[in-house]
Protein backbone atom coordinates (compact mmCIF):
# COMPACT_ATOMS: atom_id res chain seq x y z
CA MET A 1 -17.50 42.65 -1.33
CA ASN A 2 -20.03 40.50 0.39
CA ALA A 3 -19.38 37.76 2.96
CA ILE A 4 -19.91 34.93 0.47
CA GLY A 5 -17.24 36.32 -1.84
CA ILE A 6 -14.73 36.59 0.99
CA PHE A 7 -15.60 33.09 2.18
CA LEU A 8 -15.12 31.61 -1.33
CA GLY A 9 -11.83 33.49 -1.70
CA ILE A 10 -10.55 32.00 1.54
CA ILE A 11 -11.59 28.50 0.44
CA VAL A 12 -9.91 28.89 -2.97
CA ALA A 13 -6.71 30.15 -1.29
CA ALA A 14 -6.77 27.27 1.21
CA VAL A 15 -7.22 24.68 -1.56
CA ALA A 16 -4.36 26.24 -3.55
CA ILE A 17 -2.05 26.17 -0.53
CA TYR A 18 -3.05 22.56 0.19
CA LEU A 19 -2.34 21.49 -3.41
CA VAL A 20 1.09 23.12 -3.31
CA ILE A 21 2.10 21.71 0.08
CA LYS A 22 0.66 18.18 -0.27
CA PRO A 23 3.35 16.80 -2.66
CA LEU A 24 6.09 18.21 -0.48
CA ILE A 25 4.76 16.47 2.61
CA ALA A 26 3.53 13.23 1.05
CA ASN A 27 6.68 12.41 -0.89
CA GLU A 28 9.20 12.51 1.93
CA PRO A 29 11.75 9.84 1.15
CA GLN A 30 11.75 6.92 3.53
CA ALA A 31 14.82 5.11 4.88
CA GLU A 32 14.01 2.15 2.62
CA ASP A 33 14.08 4.46 -0.40
CA TYR A 34 17.55 5.69 0.55
CA ALA A 35 18.79 2.14 1.08
CA ALA A 36 17.41 1.00 -2.27
CA LEU A 37 18.90 4.03 -4.00
CA GLN A 38 22.28 3.43 -2.38
CA GLU A 39 22.16 -0.23 -3.37
CA ASP A 40 21.29 0.71 -6.96
CA VAL A 41 24.14 3.23 -7.16
CA LEU A 42 26.58 0.68 -5.74
CA GLU A 43 25.45 -1.94 -8.25
CA ARG A 44 25.92 0.49 -11.15
CA GLU A 45 29.38 1.45 -9.90
CA LYS A 46 30.28 -2.22 -9.62
CA GLU A 47 29.08 -2.92 -13.14
CA SER A 48 30.99 0.09 -14.46
CA VAL A 49 34.24 -0.91 -12.76
CA PHE A 50 34.08 -4.52 -13.91
CA THR A 51 33.23 -3.41 -17.45
CA ALA A 52 36.22 -1.06 -17.41
CA LEU A 53 38.48 -3.89 -16.22
CA ALA A 54 37.27 -6.11 -19.07
CA GLU A 55 37.80 -3.31 -21.62
CA ILE A 56 41.30 -2.61 -20.30
CA GLU A 57 42.17 -6.29 -20.62
CA PHE A 58 40.75 -6.41 -24.14
CA ASP A 59 42.58 -3.24 -25.22
CA TYR A 60 45.85 -4.57 -23.82
CA GLN A 61 45.41 -7.90 -25.62
CA MET A 62 44.70 -6.01 -28.85
CA GLY A 63 47.86 -3.96 -28.42
CA LYS A 64 46.05 -0.65 -27.89
CA LEU A 65 47.53 -0.11 -24.41
CA SER A 66 51.15 -0.11 -23.34
CA GLU A 67 52.09 -2.40 -20.49
CA GLU A 68 52.68 0.63 -18.25
CA ASP A 69 49.20 2.04 -18.95
CA TYR A 70 47.67 -1.39 -18.60
CA ASN A 71 49.25 -1.94 -15.16
CA PHE A 72 48.29 1.55 -13.97
CA LEU A 73 44.65 1.21 -15.08
CA GLN A 74 44.36 -2.35 -13.77
CA GLN A 75 45.59 -1.28 -10.32
CA LYS A 76 43.28 1.74 -10.28
CA TYR A 77 40.14 -0.18 -11.18
CA LYS A 78 41.02 -3.20 -9.05
CA ARG A 79 41.25 -0.90 -5.99
CA GLN A 80 37.83 0.48 -6.84
CA ALA A 81 36.44 -3.03 -7.28
CA VAL A 82 37.84 -4.09 -3.90
CA ASP A 83 36.30 -1.02 -2.24
CA ILE A 84 32.91 -1.78 -3.77
CA LEU A 85 33.08 -5.43 -2.72
CA LYS A 86 34.00 -4.39 0.83
CA VAL A 87 30.96 -2.09 1.00
CA GLU A 88 28.73 -4.89 -0.27
CA GLU A 89 30.20 -7.27 2.31
CA GLU A 90 29.63 -4.74 5.11
CA ASP A 91 26.03 -4.24 3.98
CA LEU A 92 25.52 -8.00 3.90
CA GLY A 93 27.09 -8.28 7.36
CA ILE A 94 24.69 -5.68 8.73
CA PHE A 95 21.79 -7.55 7.16
CA LYS A 96 22.94 -10.84 8.64
CA HIS A 97 23.37 -9.20 12.06
CA GLU A 98 19.83 -7.80 11.89
CA GLU A 99 18.53 -11.18 10.76
CA ARG A 100 20.25 -12.94 13.68
CA ALA A 101 18.86 -10.39 16.14
CA LEU A 102 15.35 -10.95 14.77
CA GLU A 103 15.75 -14.73 15.05
CA GLN A 104 16.91 -14.38 18.66
CA GLN A 105 13.95 -12.14 19.45
CA VAL A 106 11.50 -14.63 17.95
CA GLU A 107 13.11 -17.49 19.87
CA ALA A 108 12.90 -15.53 23.14
CA GLU A 109 9.22 -14.77 22.51
CA LEU A 110 8.50 -18.43 21.74
CA GLU A 111 10.29 -19.55 24.89
CA ALA A 112 8.34 -17.03 26.99
CA GLU A 113 5.06 -18.20 25.46
CA LEU A 114 5.99 -21.82 26.13
CA GLU A 115 6.81 -21.00 29.76
CA ARG A 116 3.42 -19.26 30.18
CA GLU A 117 1.60 -22.26 28.75
CA LEU A 118 3.54 -24.67 30.96
CA ALA A 119 2.75 -22.54 34.02
CA GLU A 120 -0.97 -22.67 33.13
CA ILE A 121 -0.80 -26.45 32.70
CA ARG A 122 0.93 -26.81 36.08
CA LYS A 123 -1.75 -24.66 37.73
CA SER A 124 -4.55 -26.70 36.21
CA ILE A 125 -2.87 -29.94 37.35
CA LYS A 126 -2.50 -28.63 40.93
CA LYS A 127 -6.16 -27.52 41.01
CA SER A 128 -7.44 -30.87 39.76
CA GLY A 129 -5.07 -32.97 41.88
């Protein structure tokens, strides 16, 4: 085999390896993707639980469920609903905490900028006076 053939073979192999590895590297899930996925799963669970509660109520009213089964299922799904709502509240609390921290950071930066500007004004007044 000549040198050109070996060189082309190496290039073809390198391109093939690149094409195989590129999707694995480029599509690494980001933290935002996980958060959005978790939020979506939680929303679907919430919808499912509340739908089940409505169906249980309807079936009981139609006489398809005994009172014992109705009470058991109501308690089961209400516990799940409470757990889901607690998770949502915790997530909202974390968001509000992050939002407050960001607001405080912005306020601190604005105050520092204002102090710098006031110091410059004071210097210019002392120089001219």
